[in-house]
Amino acid sequence: RDFCLSRGLGDVYKRQLGDKGRRDIIRVLRKEAMTMQEVAHRLKVNSGTVFRNINSLYNAELLIRENHGGHFFYRSKISYIQTIFDHMMEFFRDDDLAEEE
């Protein structure tokens, strides 16, 4: 999927990656897939909060959901997150060049 800087960066960065709780979830799910309940237990956070945050991250395509025996496991979609940061760095590099002229 192509990354749209004008729409994607603002939404993804501000609403998703700008929230510490969501960043913590992404960090925990980087190394292993977990259920929502496992994430809540690991982070010692209310399961309702984790439910809302995971759904939001999943809808923003920052998490991958896998169904194993009727249980949903989530893991971070690191390649997409890396693409966001790569585009963000490009965006700032281009701004820096314009200011130097």
Protein backbone atom coordinates (compact mmCIF):
# COMPACT_ATOMS: atom_id res chain seq x y z
CA ARG A 1 0.00 0.00 0.00
CA ASP A 2 1.30 3.43 -0.88
CA PHE A 3 1.79 5.83 1.97
CA CYS A 4 0.01 9.15 1.57
CA LEU A 5 2.00 11.76 3.47
CA SER A 6 -0.69 14.44 3.51
CA ARG A 7 -3.41 12.23 5.01
CA GLY A 8 -1.54 9.29 6.49
CA LEU A 9 1.23 10.99 8.45
CA GLY A 10 -1.02 13.44 10.24
CA ASP A 11 -3.52 10.81 11.31
CA VAL A 12 -1.09 8.01 12.05
CA TYR A 13 1.49 10.07 13.87
CA LYS A 14 -0.80 12.32 15.90
CA ARG A 15 -3.54 9.88 16.77
CA GLN A 16 -1.68 6.61 16.87
CA LEU A 17 2.03 7.02 17.47
CA GLY A 18 1.62 10.24 19.45
CA ASP A 19 -0.08 8.36 22.29
CA LYS A 20 2.26 6.73 24.85
CA GLY A 21 -0.16 3.88 25.59
CA ARG A 22 -0.36 2.97 21.91
CA ARG A 23 3.42 3.20 21.53
CA ASP A 24 3.76 0.82 24.49
CA ILE A 25 1.41 -1.65 22.79
CA ILE A 26 3.39 -1.48 19.54
CA ARG A 27 6.61 -2.02 21.49
CA VAL A 28 5.23 -5.07 23.34
CA LEU A 29 3.87 -6.59 20.13
CA ARG A 30 7.13 -6.11 18.23
CA LYS A 31 8.68 -9.40 19.35
CA GLU A 32 5.69 -11.67 19.84
CA ALA A 33 2.01 -11.91 18.98
CA MET A 34 -0.39 -11.62 21.93
CA THR A 35 -4.08 -11.47 22.68
CA MET A 36 -5.62 -8.26 24.02
CA GLN A 37 -5.81 -9.81 27.47
CA GLU A 38 -2.11 -10.73 27.40
CA VAL A 39 -1.20 -7.18 26.37
CA ALA A 40 -3.32 -5.73 29.21
CA HIS A 41 -1.66 -8.08 31.70
CA ARG A 42 1.86 -7.38 30.43
CA LEU A 43 1.39 -3.60 30.49
CA LYS A 44 -0.71 -3.63 33.69
CA VAL A 45 -3.39 -1.55 31.95
CA ASN A 46 -7.19 -1.79 32.00
CA SER A 47 -8.40 -4.26 29.36
CA GLY A 48 -10.97 -1.74 28.03
CA THR A 49 -8.20 0.76 27.32
CA VAL A 50 -6.14 -1.92 25.58
CA PHE A 51 -9.20 -2.99 23.56
CA ARG A 52 -9.77 0.57 22.28
CA ASN A 53 -6.09 1.17 21.55
CA ILE A 54 -5.54 -2.14 19.77
CA ASN A 55 -8.65 -1.63 17.63
CA SER A 56 -7.46 1.86 16.72
CA LEU A 57 -3.94 0.63 15.86
CA TYR A 58 -5.36 -2.27 13.86
CA ASN A 59 -7.69 0.03 11.89
CA ALA A 60 -4.71 2.30 11.14
CA GLU A 61 -2.93 -0.81 9.78
CA LEU A 62 -0.18 -0.64 12.40
CA LEU A 63 -1.01 -4.11 13.74
CA ILE A 64 -1.55 -7.49 12.13
CA ARG A 65 -4.34 -9.72 13.51
CA GLU A 66 -4.05 -13.50 13.36
CA ASN A 67 -6.77 -15.98 14.28
CA HIS A 68 -5.46 -19.06 16.13
CA GLY A 69 -8.12 -21.43 17.37
CA GLY A 70 -10.75 -18.74 17.71
CA HIS A 71 -8.43 -16.36 19.55
CA PHE A 72 -7.14 -13.17 17.96
CA PHE A 73 -3.42 -12.49 18.34
CA TYR A 74 -1.90 -9.15 17.38
CA ARG A 75 1.60 -8.15 16.40
CA SER A 76 3.18 -4.91 15.25
CA LYS A 77 3.41 -4.20 11.55
CA ILE A 78 6.98 -2.93 11.80
CA SER A 79 7.53 -2.57 8.03
CA TYR A 80 4.64 -0.09 7.76
CA ILE A 81 5.78 1.84 10.83
CA GLN A 82 9.29 2.04 9.35
CA THR A 83 7.79 3.39 6.10
CA ILE A 84 6.01 6.13 8.07
CA PHE A 85 9.26 7.21 9.68
CA ASP A 86 11.17 7.03 6.39
CA HIS A 87 8.61 9.30 4.73
CA MET A 88 8.62 11.60 7.72
CA MET A 89 12.40 11.97 7.51
CA GLU A 90 12.11 12.65 3.75
CA PHE A 91 9.49 15.28 4.46
CA PHE A 92 11.74 17.07 6.94
CA ARG A 93 14.79 16.75 4.70
CA ASP A 94 12.86 18.43 1.86
CA ASP A 95 11.79 21.24 4.22
CA ASP A 96 15.38 21.75 5.33
CA LEU A 97 16.51 22.09 1.72
CA ALA A 98 13.85 24.70 0.97
CA GLU A 99 14.88 26.79 3.99
CA GLU A 100 18.54 26.78 2.90
CA GLU A 101 17.74 28.27 -0.53
